Amino acid sequence: MMRWISSEGGPLLLLDERSLDRWGGVVDEITGTPNNESWSPGGKCTDYDRACRINEYLGRIPVGDAEALVLGDLPMQTAWIPGGHRDDGVLVRWMFAESEEEVVDSLRIIPGGIFRREFLFRVEGPKLLLFDSGLAGRNVKSRPEEYLSIELEPGLYQIETAVYEPDEKTCMVVHRFKLSAP
């Protein structure tokens, strides 16, 4: 059985563990240029607002001197499946399926040719956390049921995305991580 997490309606965020204190979520007002639209309580511009501006399946935003991945578009249950080494793996986002078994079985036969290159993403530390972007980073570790811990070798990763619909009852978004350069 895989471990799945989901958000309370907004995007999920993948961030290096060492940068957690720099993520304010929906709580802390950000510095810099605010946008005109806020989804946060009190109408203040927050990091959560920045994450919500990602309208694609995947995007990047700066967090201090690091970079975070935002899993945008619709909120979906998400799991991490490590590859054979600590330098690859996939984030699987369950759009619809009758069961977890259907999702897992479908992943065994996913055609490699359906992936499209997104961008390169630098992993600085060995541990990344995937969590609801509404959470302030300082609170993430106190809620272990609400985040996934992902271990990858530091380096530059090519991220590829596929929307995979093996049949009319099963659909998922898959983000593949492949080490490009150490």
N, C-alpha and C. Protein backbone atom coordinates (compact mmCIF):
# COMPACT_ATOMS: atom_id res chain seq x y z
N MET A 1 0.84 -1.19 0.00
CA MET A 1 0.00 0.00 0.00
C MET A 1 0.88 1.25 0.00
N MET A 2 0.56 2.18 -0.87
CA MET A 2 1.33 3.41 -0.98
C MET A 2 0.81 4.43 0.03
N ARG A 3 1.66 5.39 0.35
CA ARG A 3 1.26 6.48 1.25
C ARG A 3 0.89 7.68 0.39
N TRP A 4 -0.36 8.14 0.53
CA TRP A 4 -0.88 9.26 -0.26
C TRP A 4 -1.11 10.45 0.66
N ILE A 5 -0.88 11.64 0.11
CA ILE A 5 -1.26 12.86 0.82
C ILE A 5 -2.08 13.72 -0.13
N SER A 6 -2.79 14.67 0.44
CA SER A 6 -3.56 15.62 -0.37
C SER A 6 -3.57 16.95 0.37
N SER A 7 -4.02 17.96 -0.32
CA SER A 7 -4.10 19.29 0.29
C SER A 7 -5.54 19.54 0.72
N GLU A 8 -5.74 20.69 1.31
CA GLU A 8 -7.10 21.09 1.67
C GLU A 8 -7.75 21.89 0.56
N GLY A 9 -7.21 21.80 -0.65
CA GLY A 9 -7.81 22.47 -1.80
C GLY A 9 -6.83 23.24 -2.65
N GLY A 10 -5.68 23.57 -2.11
CA GLY A 10 -4.68 24.30 -2.87
C GLY A 10 -3.60 23.38 -3.38
N PRO A 11 -2.55 23.96 -3.94
CA PRO A 11 -1.47 23.15 -4.50
C PRO A 11 -0.59 22.52 -3.42
N LEU A 12 0.08 21.44 -3.80
CA LEU A 12 1.11 20.85 -2.96
C LEU A 12 2.44 21.48 -3.32
N LEU A 13 3.37 21.49 -2.36
CA LEU A 13 4.68 22.12 -2.55
C LEU A 13 5.76 21.11 -2.21
N LEU A 14 6.78 21.01 -3.05
CA LEU A 14 7.95 20.17 -2.80
C LEU A 14 9.13 21.08 -2.52
N LEU A 15 9.66 20.98 -1.29
CA LEU A 15 10.68 21.93 -0.84
C LEU A 15 11.77 21.20 -0.07
N ASP A 16 13.01 21.63 -0.26
CA ASP A 16 14.14 21.10 0.49
C ASP A 16 13.88 21.32 1.98
N GLU A 17 14.13 20.29 2.76
CA GLU A 17 13.90 20.35 4.21
C GLU A 17 14.60 21.53 4.86
N ARG A 18 15.78 21.90 4.36
CA ARG A 18 16.54 22.99 4.98
C ARG A 18 15.93 24.36 4.71
N SER A 19 14.97 24.45 3.79
CA SER A 19 14.34 25.73 3.46
C SER A 19 12.95 25.88 4.08
N LEU A 20 12.53 24.95 4.91
CA LEU A 20 11.18 25.00 5.47
C LEU A 20 10.87 26.31 6.17
N ASP A 21 11.82 26.84 6.95
CA ASP A 21 11.56 28.06 7.71
C ASP A 21 11.33 29.28 6.82
N ARG A 22 11.68 29.18 5.55
CA ARG A 22 11.49 30.31 4.63
C ARG A 22 10.12 30.28 3.95
N TRP A 23 9.32 29.24 4.21
CA TRP A 23 7.99 29.13 3.60
C TRP A 23 6.94 29.54 4.62
N GLY A 24 6.18 30.61 4.30
CA GLY A 24 5.19 31.14 5.24
C GLY A 24 3.79 30.57 5.08
N GLY A 25 3.56 29.80 4.01
CA GLY A 25 2.22 29.23 3.80
C GLY A 25 1.16 30.30 3.70
N VAL A 26 0.03 30.07 4.34
CA VAL A 26 -1.08 31.00 4.32
C VAL A 26 -0.99 31.97 5.52
N VAL A 27 -0.01 31.73 6.40
CA VAL A 27 0.09 32.46 7.66
C VAL A 27 0.86 33.77 7.55
N ASP A 28 2.08 33.70 7.03
CA ASP A 28 2.98 34.85 7.05
C ASP A 28 2.90 35.64 5.75
N GLU A 29 2.86 36.95 5.90
CA GLU A 29 2.86 37.83 4.74
C GLU A 29 4.25 37.79 4.10
N ILE A 30 4.28 37.78 2.77
CA ILE A 30 5.57 37.73 2.10
C ILE A 30 6.13 39.14 1.95
N THR A 31 7.42 39.19 1.72
CA THR A 31 8.04 40.47 1.38
C THR A 31 8.18 40.52 -0.13
N GLY A 32 8.36 41.67 -0.65
CA GLY A 32 8.48 41.81 -2.10
C GLY A 32 7.19 42.35 -2.69
N THR A 33 7.05 42.19 -3.98
CA THR A 33 5.91 42.75 -4.70
C THR A 33 4.68 41.87 -4.52
N PRO A 34 3.63 42.38 -3.88
CA PRO A 34 2.42 41.57 -3.74
C PRO A 34 1.65 41.52 -5.05
N ASN A 35 0.83 40.49 -5.19
CA ASN A 35 -0.03 40.43 -6.37
C ASN A 35 -1.36 41.08 -6.03
N ASN A 36 -2.25 41.15 -6.98
CA ASN A 36 -3.53 41.82 -6.77
C ASN A 36 -4.58 40.90 -6.18
N GLU A 37 -4.28 39.63 -6.08
CA GLU A 37 -5.27 38.67 -5.66
C GLU A 37 -4.73 37.83 -4.52
N SER A 38 -5.50 37.72 -3.44
CA SER A 38 -5.08 36.92 -2.31
C SER A 38 -6.16 35.92 -1.95
N TRP A 39 -5.75 34.68 -1.71
CA TRP A 39 -6.67 33.63 -1.26
C TRP A 39 -6.54 33.42 0.25
N SER A 40 -5.71 34.23 0.90
CA SER A 40 -5.40 34.02 2.30
C SER A 40 -6.31 34.84 3.21
N PRO A 41 -6.48 34.39 4.46
CA PRO A 41 -7.29 35.15 5.41
C PRO A 41 -6.75 36.56 5.58
N GLY A 42 -7.63 37.52 5.65
CA GLY A 42 -7.22 38.91 5.85
C GLY A 42 -6.75 39.61 4.60
N GLY A 43 -6.71 38.92 3.47
CA GLY A 43 -6.35 39.54 2.21
C GLY A 43 -4.89 39.89 2.05
N LYS A 44 -4.02 39.45 2.96
CA LYS A 44 -2.59 39.75 2.82
C LYS A 44 -1.97 38.81 1.80
N CYS A 45 -0.94 39.26 1.12
CA CYS A 45 -0.28 38.42 0.11
C CYS A 45 0.69 37.48 0.82
N THR A 46 0.56 36.19 0.55
CA THR A 46 1.36 35.17 1.24
C THR A 46 2.08 34.27 0.23
N ASP A 47 2.94 33.40 0.76
CA ASP A 47 3.59 32.41 -0.09
C ASP A 47 2.55 31.49 -0.73
N TYR A 48 1.49 31.19 0.00
CA TYR A 48 0.42 30.37 -0.54
C TYR A 48 -0.16 31.01 -1.81
N ASP A 49 -0.34 32.33 -1.80
CA ASP A 49 -0.83 33.04 -2.99
C ASP A 49 0.11 32.83 -4.17
N ARG A 50 1.42 32.87 -3.89
CA ARG A 50 2.40 32.66 -4.98
C ARG A 50 2.24 31.25 -5.55
N ALA A 51 2.05 30.25 -4.69
CA ALA A 51 1.87 28.88 -5.16
C ALA A 51 0.59 28.75 -5.98
N CYS A 52 -0.46 29.43 -5.57
CA CYS A 52 -1.75 29.33 -6.26
C CYS A 52 -1.71 29.95 -7.66
N ARG A 53 -0.71 30.75 -7.95
CA ARG A 53 -0.59 31.34 -9.29
C ARG A 53 -0.10 30.34 -10.34
N ILE A 54 0.36 29.17 -9.90
CA ILE A 54 0.79 28.14 -10.84
C ILE A 54 -0.46 27.44 -11.36
N ASN A 55 -0.74 27.61 -12.65
CA ASN A 55 -1.95 27.05 -13.24
C ASN A 55 -1.71 25.76 -14.01
N GLU A 56 -0.46 25.39 -14.17
CA GLU A 56 -0.09 24.17 -14.88
C GLU A 56 -0.01 23.02 -13.88
N TYR A 57 0.26 21.83 -14.39
CA TYR A 57 0.44 20.69 -13.49
C TYR A 57 1.66 20.85 -12.60
N LEU A 58 2.67 21.58 -13.09
CA LEU A 58 3.92 21.72 -12.36
C LEU A 58 4.54 23.07 -12.65
N GLY A 59 5.08 23.70 -11.62
CA GLY A 59 5.76 24.97 -11.77
C GLY A 59 6.83 25.13 -10.70
N ARG A 60 7.60 26.20 -10.82
CA ARG A 60 8.67 26.48 -9.84
C ARG A 60 8.49 27.88 -9.30
N ILE A 61 8.86 28.03 -8.02
CA ILE A 61 8.90 29.37 -7.42
C ILE A 61 10.11 29.45 -6.49
N PRO A 62 10.70 30.64 -6.34
CA PRO A 62 11.82 30.78 -5.41
C PRO A 62 11.32 30.80 -3.97
N VAL A 63 12.12 30.19 -3.10
CA VAL A 63 11.88 30.22 -1.66
C VAL A 63 13.22 30.53 -1.02
N GLY A 64 13.42 31.80 -0.65
CA GLY A 64 14.74 32.23 -0.19
C GLY A 64 15.72 32.05 -1.33
N ASP A 65 16.85 31.40 -1.04
CA ASP A 65 17.83 31.15 -2.10
C ASP A 65 17.65 29.77 -2.74
N ALA A 66 16.57 29.10 -2.38
CA ALA A 66 16.25 27.78 -2.95
C ALA A 66 15.09 27.91 -3.93
N GLU A 67 14.70 26.79 -4.48
CA GLU A 67 13.58 26.74 -5.41
C GLU A 67 12.65 25.61 -4.97
N ALA A 68 11.35 25.84 -5.10
CA ALA A 68 10.36 24.81 -4.75
C ALA A 68 9.58 24.44 -6.00
N LEU A 69 9.09 23.21 -6.03
CA LEU A 69 8.17 22.77 -7.08
C LEU A 69 6.75 22.91 -6.54
N VAL A 70 5.87 23.41 -7.39
CA VAL A 70 4.46 23.54 -7.04
C VAL A 70 3.68 22.58 -7.92
N LEU A 71 2.90 21.73 -7.30
CA LEU A 71 2.02 20.82 -8.03
C LEU A 71 0.69 21.54 -8.17
N GLY A 72 0.52 22.22 -9.30
CA GLY A 72 -0.63 23.08 -9.52
C GLY A 72 -1.79 22.35 -10.14
N ASP A 73 -2.70 23.13 -10.72
CA ASP A 73 -3.93 22.67 -11.33
C ASP A 73 -4.85 22.15 -10.24
N LEU A 74 -5.47 21.01 -10.45
CA LEU A 74 -6.42 20.47 -9.48
C LEU A 74 -5.70 19.82 -8.31
N PRO A 75 -6.26 19.93 -7.09
CA PRO A 75 -5.67 19.18 -5.98
C PRO A 75 -5.97 17.69 -6.17
N MET A 76 -4.95 16.86 -6.07
CA MET A 76 -5.10 15.42 -6.25
C MET A 76 -4.31 14.70 -5.18
N GLN A 77 -4.78 13.52 -4.80
CA GLN A 77 -3.98 12.68 -3.91
C GLN A 77 -2.67 12.39 -4.62
N THR A 78 -1.57 12.44 -3.86
CA THR A 78 -0.25 12.31 -4.46
C THR A 78 0.61 11.35 -3.64
N ALA A 79 1.40 10.54 -4.34
CA ALA A 79 2.32 9.61 -3.70
C ALA A 79 3.67 9.69 -4.40
N TRP A 80 4.72 9.28 -3.68
CA TRP A 80 6.07 9.21 -4.24
C TRP A 80 6.43 7.74 -4.39
N ILE A 81 6.94 7.41 -5.57
CA ILE A 81 7.44 6.06 -5.81
C ILE A 81 8.92 6.19 -6.16
N PRO A 82 9.79 5.78 -5.23
CA PRO A 82 11.22 5.89 -5.52
C PRO A 82 11.61 4.93 -6.64
N GLY A 83 12.63 5.33 -7.39
CA GLY A 83 13.14 4.47 -8.45
C GLY A 83 14.08 3.43 -7.87
N GLY A 84 14.85 2.82 -8.71
CA GLY A 84 15.77 1.79 -8.28
C GLY A 84 16.95 2.32 -7.51
N HIS A 85 17.23 3.60 -7.62
CA HIS A 85 18.34 4.25 -6.93
C HIS A 85 17.81 5.49 -6.23
N ARG A 86 18.70 6.21 -5.55
CA ARG A 86 18.27 7.46 -4.92
C ARG A 86 18.41 8.63 -5.88
N ASP A 87 18.47 8.36 -7.19
CA ASP A 87 18.59 9.45 -8.16
C ASP A 87 17.46 9.44 -9.17
N ASP A 88 16.34 8.79 -8.83
CA ASP A 88 15.18 8.85 -9.70
C ASP A 88 13.93 8.44 -8.92
N GLY A 89 12.79 8.69 -9.52
CA GLY A 89 11.51 8.34 -8.92
C GLY A 89 10.40 9.11 -9.59
N VAL A 90 9.15 8.85 -9.16
CA VAL A 90 8.00 9.55 -9.75
C VAL A 90 7.04 10.01 -8.67
N LEU A 91 6.49 11.19 -8.89
CA LEU A 91 5.35 11.66 -8.13
C LEU A 91 4.12 11.28 -8.93
N VAL A 92 3.21 10.56 -8.31
CA VAL A 92 1.98 10.11 -8.96
C VAL A 92 0.82 10.87 -8.35
N ARG A 93 0.04 11.51 -9.22
CA ARG A 93 -1.13 12.27 -8.77
C ARG A 93 -2.38 11.57 -9.31
N TRP A 94 -3.18 11.08 -8.41
CA TRP A 94 -4.36 10.28 -8.71
C TRP A 94 -5.51 11.21 -9.09
N MET A 95 -5.77 11.29 -10.39
CA MET A 95 -6.87 12.13 -10.87
C MET A 95 -8.19 11.39 -10.67
N PHE A 96 -8.30 10.18 -11.24
CA PHE A 96 -9.43 9.31 -10.95
C PHE A 96 -9.07 7.87 -11.23
N ALA A 97 -9.62 6.99 -10.44
CA ALA A 97 -9.44 5.54 -10.59
C ALA A 97 -10.38 4.87 -9.60
N GLU A 98 -10.71 3.63 -9.89
CA GLU A 98 -11.61 2.90 -9.01
C GLU A 98 -10.92 2.43 -7.73
N SER A 99 -9.59 2.27 -7.78
CA SER A 99 -8.87 1.81 -6.59
C SER A 99 -7.39 2.15 -6.72
N GLU A 100 -6.70 2.08 -5.60
CA GLU A 100 -5.26 2.26 -5.59
C GLU A 100 -4.58 1.18 -6.42
N GLU A 101 -5.11 -0.02 -6.38
CA GLU A 101 -4.54 -1.13 -7.15
C GLU A 101 -4.57 -0.81 -8.65
N GLU A 102 -5.65 -0.16 -9.12
CA GLU A 102 -5.74 0.23 -10.53
C GLU A 102 -4.62 1.22 -10.88
N VAL A 103 -4.37 2.17 -9.99
CA VAL A 103 -3.31 3.15 -10.22
C VAL A 103 -1.95 2.45 -10.29
N VAL A 104 -1.67 1.63 -9.28
CA VAL A 104 -0.37 0.94 -9.21
C VAL A 104 -0.18 0.02 -10.41
N ASP A 105 -1.20 -0.75 -10.76
CA ASP A 105 -1.09 -1.65 -11.91
C ASP A 105 -0.84 -0.87 -13.20
N SER A 106 -1.49 0.26 -13.35
CA SER A 106 -1.31 1.08 -14.56
C SER A 106 0.10 1.62 -14.67
N LEU A 107 0.73 1.93 -13.55
CA LEU A 107 2.08 2.47 -13.57
C LEU A 107 3.10 1.46 -14.06
N ARG A 108 2.80 0.18 -13.93
CA ARG A 108 3.73 -0.86 -14.38
C ARG A 108 3.87 -0.90 -15.90
N ILE A 109 2.88 -0.33 -16.60
CA ILE A 109 2.89 -0.40 -18.07
C ILE A 109 2.85 0.98 -18.72
N ILE A 110 3.24 2.01 -17.99
CA ILE A 110 3.19 3.36 -18.55
C ILE A 110 4.20 3.50 -19.69
N PRO A 111 3.76 3.94 -20.86
CA PRO A 111 4.69 4.09 -21.99
C PRO A 111 5.61 5.30 -21.79
N GLY A 112 6.90 5.10 -21.99
CA GLY A 112 7.86 6.18 -21.79
C GLY A 112 7.68 7.34 -22.75
N GLY A 113 7.14 7.09 -23.94
CA GLY A 113 7.00 8.12 -24.95
C GLY A 113 5.95 9.19 -24.68
N ILE A 114 5.15 9.02 -23.65
CA ILE A 114 4.11 10.02 -23.37
C ILE A 114 4.60 11.17 -22.49
N PHE A 115 5.80 11.06 -21.95
CA PHE A 115 6.33 12.11 -21.07
C PHE A 115 6.82 13.30 -21.89
N ARG A 116 6.59 14.50 -21.37
CA ARG A 116 7.14 15.71 -21.98
C ARG A 116 8.09 16.37 -20.98
N ARG A 117 9.17 16.88 -21.49
CA ARG A 117 10.15 17.56 -20.62
C ARG A 117 9.57 18.84 -20.09
N GLU A 118 9.78 19.05 -18.80
CA GLU A 118 9.33 20.28 -18.15
C GLU A 118 10.50 21.26 -18.03
N PHE A 119 11.41 20.94 -17.12
CA PHE A 119 12.54 21.81 -16.84
C PHE A 119 13.52 21.06 -15.95
N LEU A 120 14.66 21.70 -15.69
CA LEU A 120 15.64 21.16 -14.76
C LEU A 120 15.36 21.72 -13.38
N PHE A 121 15.56 20.89 -12.37
CA PHE A 121 15.30 21.29 -10.98
C PHE A 121 16.47 20.81 -10.13
N ARG A 122 17.07 21.75 -9.39
CA ARG A 122 18.23 21.42 -8.56
C ARG A 122 17.77 20.96 -7.18
N VAL A 123 18.27 19.79 -6.78
CA VAL A 123 18.05 19.26 -5.43
C VAL A 123 19.34 19.51 -4.66
N GLU A 124 19.25 20.32 -3.61
CA GLU A 124 20.43 20.68 -2.83
C GLU A 124 20.73 19.67 -1.73
N GLY A 125 19.71 19.29 -1.01
CA GLY A 125 19.93 18.38 0.12
C GLY A 125 19.32 17.03 -0.16
N PRO A 126 19.61 16.08 0.68
CA PRO A 126 19.11 14.73 0.41
C PRO A 126 17.63 14.54 0.71
N LYS A 127 17.01 15.47 1.46
CA LYS A 127 15.62 15.25 1.84
C LYS A 127 14.74 16.43 1.40
N LEU A 128 13.68 16.08 0.67
CA LEU A 128 12.66 17.04 0.26
C LEU A 128 11.36 16.66 0.97
N LEU A 129 10.53 17.65 1.22
CA LEU A 129 9.22 17.39 1.82
C LEU A 129 8.14 17.87 0.87
N LEU A 130 7.10 17.06 0.71
CA LEU A 130 5.94 17.41 -0.10
C LEU A 130 4.79 17.64 0.86
N PHE A 131 4.17 18.84 0.80
CA PHE A 131 3.13 19.19 1.76
C PHE A 131 2.18 20.22 1.17
N ASP A 132 1.07 20.43 1.86
CA ASP A 132 0.07 21.42 1.47
C ASP A 132 0.71 22.80 1.54
N SER A 133 0.68 23.54 0.44
CA SER A 133 1.34 24.86 0.39
C SER A 133 0.71 25.87 1.35
N GLY A 134 -0.46 25.57 1.89
CA GLY A 134 -1.07 26.46 2.88
C GLY A 134 -0.40 26.39 4.23
N LEU A 135 0.34 25.32 4.50
CA LEU A 135 1.03 25.18 5.79
C LEU A 135 2.28 26.04 5.83
N ALA A 136 2.53 26.67 6.96
CA ALA A 136 3.81 27.35 7.16
C ALA A 136 4.87 26.28 7.33
N GLY A 137 6.02 26.47 6.72
CA GLY A 137 7.08 25.48 6.78
C GLY A 137 7.47 25.08 8.18
N ARG A 138 7.45 26.02 9.11
CA ARG A 138 7.85 25.72 10.48
C ARG A 138 6.90 24.74 11.17
N ASN A 139 5.69 24.55 10.59
CA ASN A 139 4.71 23.65 11.19
C ASN A 139 4.62 22.29 10.52
N VAL A 140 5.29 22.13 9.41
CA VAL A 140 5.14 20.91 8.61
C VAL A 140 5.54 19.66 9.39
N LYS A 141 6.71 19.66 10.01
CA LYS A 141 7.21 18.45 10.68
C LYS A 141 6.38 18.05 11.89
N SER A 142 5.59 18.95 12.43
CA SER A 142 4.73 18.59 13.56
C SER A 142 3.47 17.87 13.10
N ARG A 143 3.31 17.71 11.79
CA ARG A 143 2.15 17.02 11.21
C ARG A 143 2.62 15.93 10.26
N PRO A 144 3.23 14.86 10.77
CA PRO A 144 3.81 13.84 9.89
C PRO A 144 2.82 13.16 8.96
N GLU A 145 1.56 13.15 9.31
CA GLU A 145 0.55 12.53 8.44
C GLU A 145 0.22 13.41 7.23
N GLU A 146 0.71 14.66 7.22
CA GLU A 146 0.36 15.60 6.16
C GLU A 146 1.50 15.89 5.19
N TYR A 147 2.60 15.16 5.28
CA TYR A 147 3.67 15.38 4.32
C TYR A 147 4.31 14.06 3.92
N LEU A 148 4.95 14.09 2.77
CA LEU A 148 5.76 12.96 2.31
C LEU A 148 7.23 13.38 2.37
N SER A 149 8.07 12.50 2.84
CA SER A 149 9.50 12.72 2.85
C SER A 149 10.09 12.00 1.64
N ILE A 150 10.84 12.74 0.84
CA ILE A 150 11.40 12.20 -0.40
C ILE A 150 12.91 12.37 -0.35
N GLU A 151 13.63 11.27 -0.53
CA GLU A 151 15.08 11.34 -0.51
C GLU A 151 15.62 11.16 -1.92
N LEU A 152 16.39 12.15 -2.34
CA LEU A 152 17.05 12.13 -3.65
C LEU A 152 18.50 12.58 -3.47
N GLU A 153 19.38 12.02 -4.27
CA GLU A 153 20.77 12.47 -4.28
C GLU A 153 20.79 13.93 -4.71
N PRO A 154 21.63 14.77 -4.09
CA PRO A 154 21.76 16.14 -4.57
C PRO A 154 22.22 16.15 -6.03
N GLY A 155 21.70 17.11 -6.78
CA GLY A 155 22.07 17.23 -8.18
C GLY A 155 20.99 17.92 -8.99
N LEU A 156 21.18 17.95 -10.28
CA LEU A 156 20.26 18.59 -11.21
C LEU A 156 19.38 17.52 -11.83
N TYR A 157 18.08 17.65 -11.69
CA TYR A 157 17.13 16.65 -12.17
C TYR A 157 16.32 17.17 -13.34
N GLN A 158 16.17 16.32 -14.34
CA GLN A 158 15.24 16.60 -15.43
C GLN A 158 13.87 16.13 -14.96
N ILE A 159 12.90 17.03 -14.98
CA ILE A 159 11.53 16.69 -14.60
C ILE A 159 10.72 16.53 -15.88
N GLU A 160 9.99 15.43 -15.95
CA GLU A 160 9.13 15.14 -17.09
C GLU A 160 7.72 14.85 -16.57
N THR A 161 6.72 15.24 -17.34
CA THR A 161 5.33 15.07 -16.92
C THR A 161 4.54 14.33 -17.99
N ALA A 162 3.62 13.49 -17.52
CA ALA A 162 2.70 12.79 -18.42
C ALA A 162 1.33 12.75 -17.77
N VAL A 163 0.30 12.97 -18.59
CA VAL A 163 -1.07 12.68 -18.17
C VAL A 163 -1.36 11.31 -18.76
N TYR A 164 -1.58 10.35 -17.89
CA TYR A 164 -1.69 8.96 -18.33
C TYR A 164 -3.10 8.44 -18.03
N GLU A 165 -3.79 8.07 -19.11
CA GLU A 165 -5.15 7.55 -19.01
C GLU A 165 -5.19 6.19 -19.71
N PRO A 166 -4.82 5.13 -18.99
CA PRO A 166 -4.76 3.81 -19.63
C PRO A 166 -6.12 3.25 -20.03
N ASP A 167 -7.18 3.72 -19.39
CA ASP A 167 -8.55 3.32 -19.76
C ASP A 167 -9.50 4.41 -19.31
N GLU A 168 -10.78 4.26 -19.62
CA GLU A 168 -11.76 5.31 -19.32
C GLU A 168 -12.05 5.48 -17.83
N LYS A 169 -11.55 4.57 -17.00
CA LYS A 169 -11.81 4.64 -15.56
C LYS A 169 -10.59 5.05 -14.74
N THR A 170 -9.46 5.26 -15.42
CA THR A 170 -8.22 5.52 -14.70
C THR A 170 -7.46 6.66 -15.37
N CYS A 171 -7.07 7.64 -14.56
CA CYS A 171 -6.26 8.75 -15.08
C CYS A 171 -5.38 9.27 -13.95
N MET A 172 -4.14 9.58 -14.29
CA MET A 172 -3.21 10.13 -13.32
C MET A 172 -2.24 11.08 -14.02
N VAL A 173 -1.67 11.96 -13.22
CA VAL A 173 -0.59 12.83 -13.68
C VAL A 173 0.67 12.29 -13.03
N VAL A 174 1.70 12.07 -13.84
CA VAL A 174 2.95 11.48 -13.34
C VAL A 174 4.09 12.45 -13.64
N HIS A 175 4.86 12.77 -12.61
CA HIS A 175 6.05 13.62 -12.75
C HIS A 175 7.26 12.73 -12.48
N ARG A 176 8.09 12.57 -13.50
CA ARG A 176 9.25 11.69 -13.40
C ARG A 176 10.51 12.53 -13.13
N PHE A 177 11.32 12.10 -12.17
CA PHE A 177 12.58 12.77 -11.79
C PHE A 177 13.73 11.88 -12.23
N LYS A 178 14.64 12.45 -13.04
CA LYS A 178 15.83 11.73 -13.48
C LYS A 178 17.04 12.60 -13.25
N LEU A 179 18.04 12.05 -12.60
CA LEU A 179 19.27 12.81 -12.35
C LEU A 179 19.93 13.12 -13.69
N SER A 180 20.19 14.41 -13.92
CA SER A 180 20.80 14.85 -15.17
C SER A 180 22.29 15.08 -14.99
N ALA A 181 22.63 15.69 -13.83
CA ALA A 181 24.04 15.97 -13.52
C ALA A 181 24.18 16.11 -12.01
N PRO A 182 25.28 15.58 -11.46
CA PRO A 182 25.50 15.70 -10.00
C PRO A 182 25.77 17.12 -9.60
